[in-house]
Amino acid sequence: MAIIDTEKGKDIFQMGVDDMDKLLDNYELKHIHTDFFQKVVLLIIASLGFIAALAWDQALREMFVEFFGSLDSIGQKLLYAGIVTVLAALVGILMSKLFLRRKKK
């Protein structure tokens, strides 16, 4: 199956470089490599954020065990989840207020 440029009726595999540039401009594909690398960078940053979250989870889990004992029962696991949720909400609120103040100035 051939891919046809509807403007000139040519098979894209038979097009010249100039024709290909025009086709890419028409279909807004000229900067696809930039968009691709931008997405890869975002995925790498998200992956590093996930790794950091796992590290914090482990650290908080060990602190919880130090203060409240093991996480064997469902009650202890729910208490841990509640403490982590409240901590995450407080940090999120504080950080958003800090950045909103900076943005307004």
Protein backbone atom coordinates (compact mmCIF):
# COMPACT_ATOMS: atom_id res chain seq x y z
CA MET A 1 0.00 0.00 0.00
CA ALA A 2 1.53 3.30 -1.04
CA ILE A 3 1.18 6.50 0.92
CA ILE A 4 0.11 9.24 -1.45
CA ASP A 5 0.63 12.97 -1.11
CA THR A 6 -2.85 14.26 -1.92
CA GLU A 7 -1.51 17.61 -3.13
CA LYS A 8 0.54 16.21 -6.01
CA GLY A 9 -0.72 12.64 -6.21
CA LYS A 10 2.80 11.22 -5.73
CA ASP A 11 3.83 8.16 -3.79
CA ILE A 12 5.92 9.48 -0.86
CA PHE A 13 8.69 7.00 -1.63
CA GLN A 14 9.16 8.62 -5.04
CA MET A 15 9.27 12.19 -3.73
CA GLY A 16 12.34 14.41 -3.65
CA VAL A 17 13.74 16.12 -0.55
CA ASP A 18 11.98 19.40 -1.30
CA ASP A 19 8.67 17.63 -1.83
CA MET A 20 9.14 15.72 1.42
CA ASP A 21 9.83 18.95 3.33
CA LYS A 22 6.64 20.46 1.95
CA LEU A 23 4.69 17.32 2.88
CA LEU A 24 6.07 17.41 6.42
CA ASP A 25 5.18 21.10 6.71
CA ASN A 26 1.65 20.41 5.46
CA TYR A 27 1.09 17.67 8.00
CA GLU A 28 3.01 19.52 10.77
CA LEU A 29 5.43 16.62 11.18
CA LYS A 30 8.63 18.60 10.70
CA HIS A 31 9.29 18.84 14.44
CA ILE A 32 8.23 15.34 15.38
CA HIS A 33 11.77 14.44 16.51
CA THR A 34 11.75 17.41 18.92
CA ASP A 35 8.36 16.36 20.28
CA PHE A 36 9.56 12.78 20.65
CA PHE A 37 12.66 13.77 22.65
CA GLN A 38 10.59 16.14 24.76
CA LYS A 39 8.30 13.23 25.70
CA VAL A 40 11.30 11.00 26.45
CA VAL A 41 12.73 13.64 28.78
CA LEU A 42 9.36 13.94 30.56
CA LEU A 43 9.23 10.16 30.97
CA ILE A 44 12.74 10.11 32.44
CA ILE A 45 11.83 12.89 34.89
CA ALA A 46 8.62 11.07 35.87
CA SER A 47 10.60 7.84 36.36
CA LEU A 48 13.09 9.58 38.63
CA GLY A 49 10.20 11.10 40.58
CA PHE A 50 8.71 7.64 41.02
CA ILE A 51 12.03 6.27 42.26
CA ALA A 52 12.28 9.16 44.74
CA ALA A 53 8.73 8.42 45.94
CA LEU A 54 9.65 4.77 46.52
CA ALA A 55 12.73 5.82 48.48
CA TRP A 56 10.64 8.17 50.64
CA ASP A 57 8.08 5.42 51.16
CA GLN A 58 10.77 3.10 52.45
CA ALA A 59 12.21 5.78 54.75
CA LEU A 60 8.77 6.71 56.14
CA ARG A 61 7.89 3.04 56.58
CA GLU A 62 11.03 2.46 58.64
CA MET A 63 10.36 5.59 60.73
CA PHE A 64 6.81 4.36 61.35
CA VAL A 65 8.08 0.94 62.44
CA GLU A 66 10.57 2.66 64.77
CA PHE A 67 7.83 4.71 66.48
CA PHE A 68 4.74 2.47 66.30
CA GLY A 69 6.02 -1.07 65.80
CA SER A 70 5.72 -3.43 62.85
CA LEU A 71 3.24 -3.12 59.99
CA ASP A 72 1.75 -6.58 60.42
CA SER A 73 -1.90 -5.79 61.11
CA ILE A 74 -4.34 -4.06 58.78
CA GLY A 75 -4.90 -1.36 61.41
CA GLN A 76 -1.22 -0.46 61.45
CA LYS A 77 -1.12 -0.39 57.64
CA LEU A 78 -4.16 1.90 57.55
CA LEU A 79 -2.57 4.17 60.16
CA TYR A 80 0.62 4.31 58.08
CA ALA A 81 -1.35 5.11 54.92
CA GLY A 82 -3.28 7.82 56.77
CA ILE A 83 -0.12 9.43 58.16
CA VAL A 84 1.55 9.40 54.74
CA THR A 85 -1.60 10.86 53.11
CA VAL A 86 -1.82 13.70 55.64
CA LEU A 87 1.90 14.38 55.29
CA ALA A 88 1.65 14.46 51.47
CA ALA A 89 -1.36 16.81 51.62
CA LEU A 90 0.40 19.19 54.02
CA VAL A 91 3.58 19.28 51.95
CA GLY A 92 1.50 19.84 48.80
CA ILE A 93 -0.40 22.74 50.39
CA LEU A 94 2.77 24.35 51.74
CA MET A 95 4.60 24.03 48.43
CA SER A 96 1.68 25.40 46.41
CA LYS A 97 1.39 28.41 48.73
CA LEU A 98 5.13 29.03 48.50
CA PHE A 99 5.15 28.90 44.70
CA LEU A 100 1.95 30.93 44.33
CA ARG A 101 3.47 33.70 46.45
CA ARG A 102 6.59 33.68 44.29
CA LYS A 103 4.53 33.77 41.12
CA LYS A 104 2.49 36.78 42.29
CA LYS A 105 5.62 38.84 43.08
